[in-house]
Amino acid sequence: MLEVLLFGSENCGSCSLNETRIKDVLREFPEIKFTHYSVDEVGVLVKKFQILTAPTVLIMNNNQEIYRFTGIVERDKFHREIEYLKYKSEGLI
């Protein structure tokens, strides 16, 4: 099962923009879970996933990291990646 994790901070404009874009794309993929974490509140996860900057987006498959990027999400690129990773995780490609 795919899951998208967004690590951001409360006063980060790029983090808010990413959340909006990610949610917009994921409307087409309701089976993909999305969670937004504040790096200020989840120190254990920040350490576990070695988050060095905000925003950082992780795409997980069955609790394993399969894709990571930092900075602002480009909507179309994110859509292509999610679509590809979804089909790949389902064994369709």
C-alpha atoms as a PDB file:
ATOM      1  CA  MET A   1       0.000   0.000   0.000  1.00  0.00           C
ATOM      2  CA  LEU A   2       1.354   3.391  -0.987  1.00  0.00           C
ATOM      3  CA  GLU A   3       1.551   6.247   1.474  1.00  0.00           C
ATOM      4  CA  VAL A   4       2.787   9.826   1.043  1.00  0.00           C
ATOM      5  CA  LEU A   5       4.477  11.502   4.002  1.00  0.00           C
ATOM      6  CA  LEU A   6       5.098  15.255   3.969  1.00  0.00           C
ATOM      7  CA  PHE A   7       7.531  16.595   6.553  1.00  0.00           C
ATOM      8  CA  GLY A   8       7.202  20.334   6.969  1.00  0.00           C
ATOM      9  CA  SER A   9       7.109  23.095   9.511  1.00  0.00           C
ATOM     10  CA  GLU A  10       4.267  25.292  10.694  1.00  0.00           C
ATOM     11  CA  ASN A  11       5.457  28.593   9.198  1.00  0.00           C
ATOM     12  CA  CYS A  12       6.772  27.217   5.913  1.00  0.00           C
ATOM     13  CA  GLY A  13       5.069  28.573   2.788  1.00  0.00           C
ATOM     14  CA  SER A  14       6.638  25.888   0.591  1.00  0.00           C
ATOM     15  CA  CYS A  15       5.330  23.206   2.948  1.00  0.00           C
ATOM     16  CA  SER A  16       1.773  24.580   2.700  1.00  0.00           C
ATOM     17  CA  LEU A  17       2.055  24.772  -1.082  1.00  0.00           C
ATOM     18  CA  ASN A  18       3.254  21.166  -1.196  1.00  0.00           C
ATOM     19  CA  GLU A  19       0.370  20.011   0.972  1.00  0.00           C
ATOM     20  CA  THR A  20      -2.136  21.689  -1.350  1.00  0.00           C
ATOM     21  CA  ARG A  21      -0.561  20.222  -4.488  1.00  0.00           C
ATOM     22  CA  ILE A  22      -0.185  16.739  -3.017  1.00  0.00           C
ATOM     23  CA  LYS A  23      -3.790  16.654  -1.823  1.00  0.00           C
ATOM     24  CA  ASP A  24      -4.931  17.855  -5.241  1.00  0.00           C
ATOM     25  CA  VAL A  25      -3.103  15.006  -7.009  1.00  0.00           C
ATOM     26  CA  LEU A  26      -4.166  12.395  -4.471  1.00  0.00           C
ATOM     27  CA  ARG A  27      -7.842  13.135  -5.123  1.00  0.00           C
ATOM     28  CA  GLU A  28      -7.313  10.950  -8.197  1.00  0.00           C
ATOM     29  CA  PHE A  29      -5.780   8.202  -6.039  1.00  0.00           C
ATOM     30  CA  PRO A  30      -8.055   7.853  -2.993  1.00  0.00           C
ATOM     31  CA  GLU A  31      -6.428   4.548  -2.035  1.00  0.00           C
ATOM     32  CA  ILE A  32      -3.122   6.334  -1.285  1.00  0.00           C
ATOM     33  CA  LYS A  33      -2.843   7.555   2.288  1.00  0.00           C
ATOM     34  CA  PHE A  34      -1.444  11.042   2.973  1.00  0.00           C
ATOM     35  CA  THR A  35       0.049  12.258   6.248  1.00  0.00           C
ATOM     36  CA  HIS A  36       1.539  15.677   6.984  1.00  0.00           C
ATOM     37  CA  TYR A  37       4.020  15.784   9.861  1.00  0.00           C
ATOM     38  CA  SER A  38       5.404  18.866  11.558  1.00  0.00           C
ATOM     39  CA  VAL A  39       9.157  18.387  11.971  1.00  0.00           C
ATOM     40  CA  ASP A  40       8.893  20.328  15.230  1.00  0.00           C
ATOM     41  CA  GLU A  41       6.582  17.685  16.718  1.00  0.00           C
ATOM     42  CA  VAL A  42       7.887  14.348  15.434  1.00  0.00           C
ATOM     43  CA  GLY A  43      11.588  14.320  16.278  1.00  0.00           C
ATOM     44  CA  VAL A  44      11.705  10.519  16.392  1.00  0.00           C
ATOM     45  CA  LEU A  45      10.413  10.238  12.810  1.00  0.00           C
ATOM     46  CA  VAL A  46      12.703  13.040  11.623  1.00  0.00           C
ATOM     47  CA  LYS A  47      15.655  11.096  13.000  1.00  0.00           C
ATOM     48  CA  LYS A  48      14.385   7.732  11.727  1.00  0.00           C
ATOM     49  CA  PHE A  49      13.939   9.006   8.155  1.00  0.00           C
ATOM     50  CA  GLN A  50      16.939  11.360   8.311  1.00  0.00           C
ATOM     51  CA  ILE A  51      14.920  14.446   7.376  1.00  0.00           C
ATOM     52  CA  LEU A  52      17.412  17.256   6.866  1.00  0.00           C
ATOM     53  CA  THR A  53      15.224  19.960   5.364  1.00  0.00           C
ATOM     54  CA  ALA A  54      11.604  20.978   5.114  1.00  0.00           C
ATOM     55  CA  PRO A  55       9.693  20.297   3.033  1.00  0.00           C
ATOM     56  CA  THR A  56      10.632  16.688   2.400  1.00  0.00           C
ATOM     57  CA  VAL A  57       8.219  14.231   0.800  1.00  0.00           C
ATOM     58  CA  LEU A  58       8.577  10.479   1.198  1.00  0.00           C
ATOM     59  CA  ILE A  59       6.607   7.939  -0.770  1.00  0.00           C
ATOM     60  CA  MET A  60       6.349   4.658   1.065  1.00  0.00           C
ATOM     61  CA  ASN A  61       5.252   1.216  -0.095  1.00  0.00           C
ATOM     62  CA  ASN A  62       4.415  -1.219   2.696  1.00  0.00           C
ATOM     63  CA  ASN A  63       6.376   0.948   5.171  1.00  0.00           C
ATOM     64  CA  GLN A  64       9.474   1.015   2.936  1.00  0.00           C
ATOM     65  CA  GLU A  65      10.720   4.275   1.447  1.00  0.00           C
ATOM     66  CA  ILE A  66      10.665   4.037  -2.341  1.00  0.00           C
ATOM     67  CA  TYR A  67      10.963   7.695  -3.356  1.00  0.00           C
ATOM     68  CA  ARG A  68      12.090  10.944  -1.711  1.00  0.00           C
ATOM     69  CA  PHE A  69      12.299  14.548  -2.761  1.00  0.00           C
ATOM     70  CA  THR A  70      12.822  17.885  -1.086  1.00  0.00           C
ATOM     71  CA  GLY A  71      11.652  21.353  -1.962  1.00  0.00           C
ATOM     72  CA  ILE A  72       8.575  22.458  -3.822  1.00  0.00           C
ATOM     73  CA  VAL A  73       6.502  19.765  -5.513  1.00  0.00           C
ATOM     74  CA  GLU A  74       5.760  20.315  -9.189  1.00  0.00           C
ATOM     75  CA  ARG A  75       2.191  19.106  -9.548  1.00  0.00           C
ATOM     76  CA  ASP A  76       2.565  17.367 -12.925  1.00  0.00           C
ATOM     77  CA  LYS A  77       5.842  15.678 -11.992  1.00  0.00           C
ATOM     78  CA  PHE A  78       4.355  14.470  -8.705  1.00  0.00           C
ATOM     79  CA  HIS A  79       1.306  13.126 -10.555  1.00  0.00           C
ATOM     80  CA  ARG A  80       3.518  11.160 -12.972  1.00  0.00           C
ATOM     81  CA  GLU A  81       5.607   9.735 -10.112  1.00  0.00           C
ATOM     82  CA  ILE A  82       2.558   8.685  -8.094  1.00  0.00           C
ATOM     83  CA  GLU A  83       0.947   7.078 -11.120  1.00  0.00           C
ATOM     84  CA  TYR A  84       4.144   5.204 -12.008  1.00  0.00           C
ATOM     85  CA  LEU A  85       4.792   4.050  -8.433  1.00  0.00           C
ATOM     86  CA  LYS A  86       1.168   2.964  -7.996  1.00  0.00           C
ATOM     87  CA  TYR A  87       1.248   0.796 -11.111  1.00  0.00           C
ATOM     88  CA  LYS A  88       4.680  -0.543 -10.182  1.00  0.00           C
ATOM     89  CA  SER A  89       3.544  -1.445  -6.651  1.00  0.00           C
ATOM     90  CA  GLU A  90       0.594  -3.310  -8.161  1.00  0.00           C
ATOM     91  CA  GLY A  91       2.898  -5.266 -10.470  1.00  0.00           C
ATOM     92  CA  LEU A  92       1.352  -3.729 -13.595  1.00  0.00           C
ATOM     93  CA  ILE A  93       4.704  -2.496 -14.934  1.00  0.00           C
END
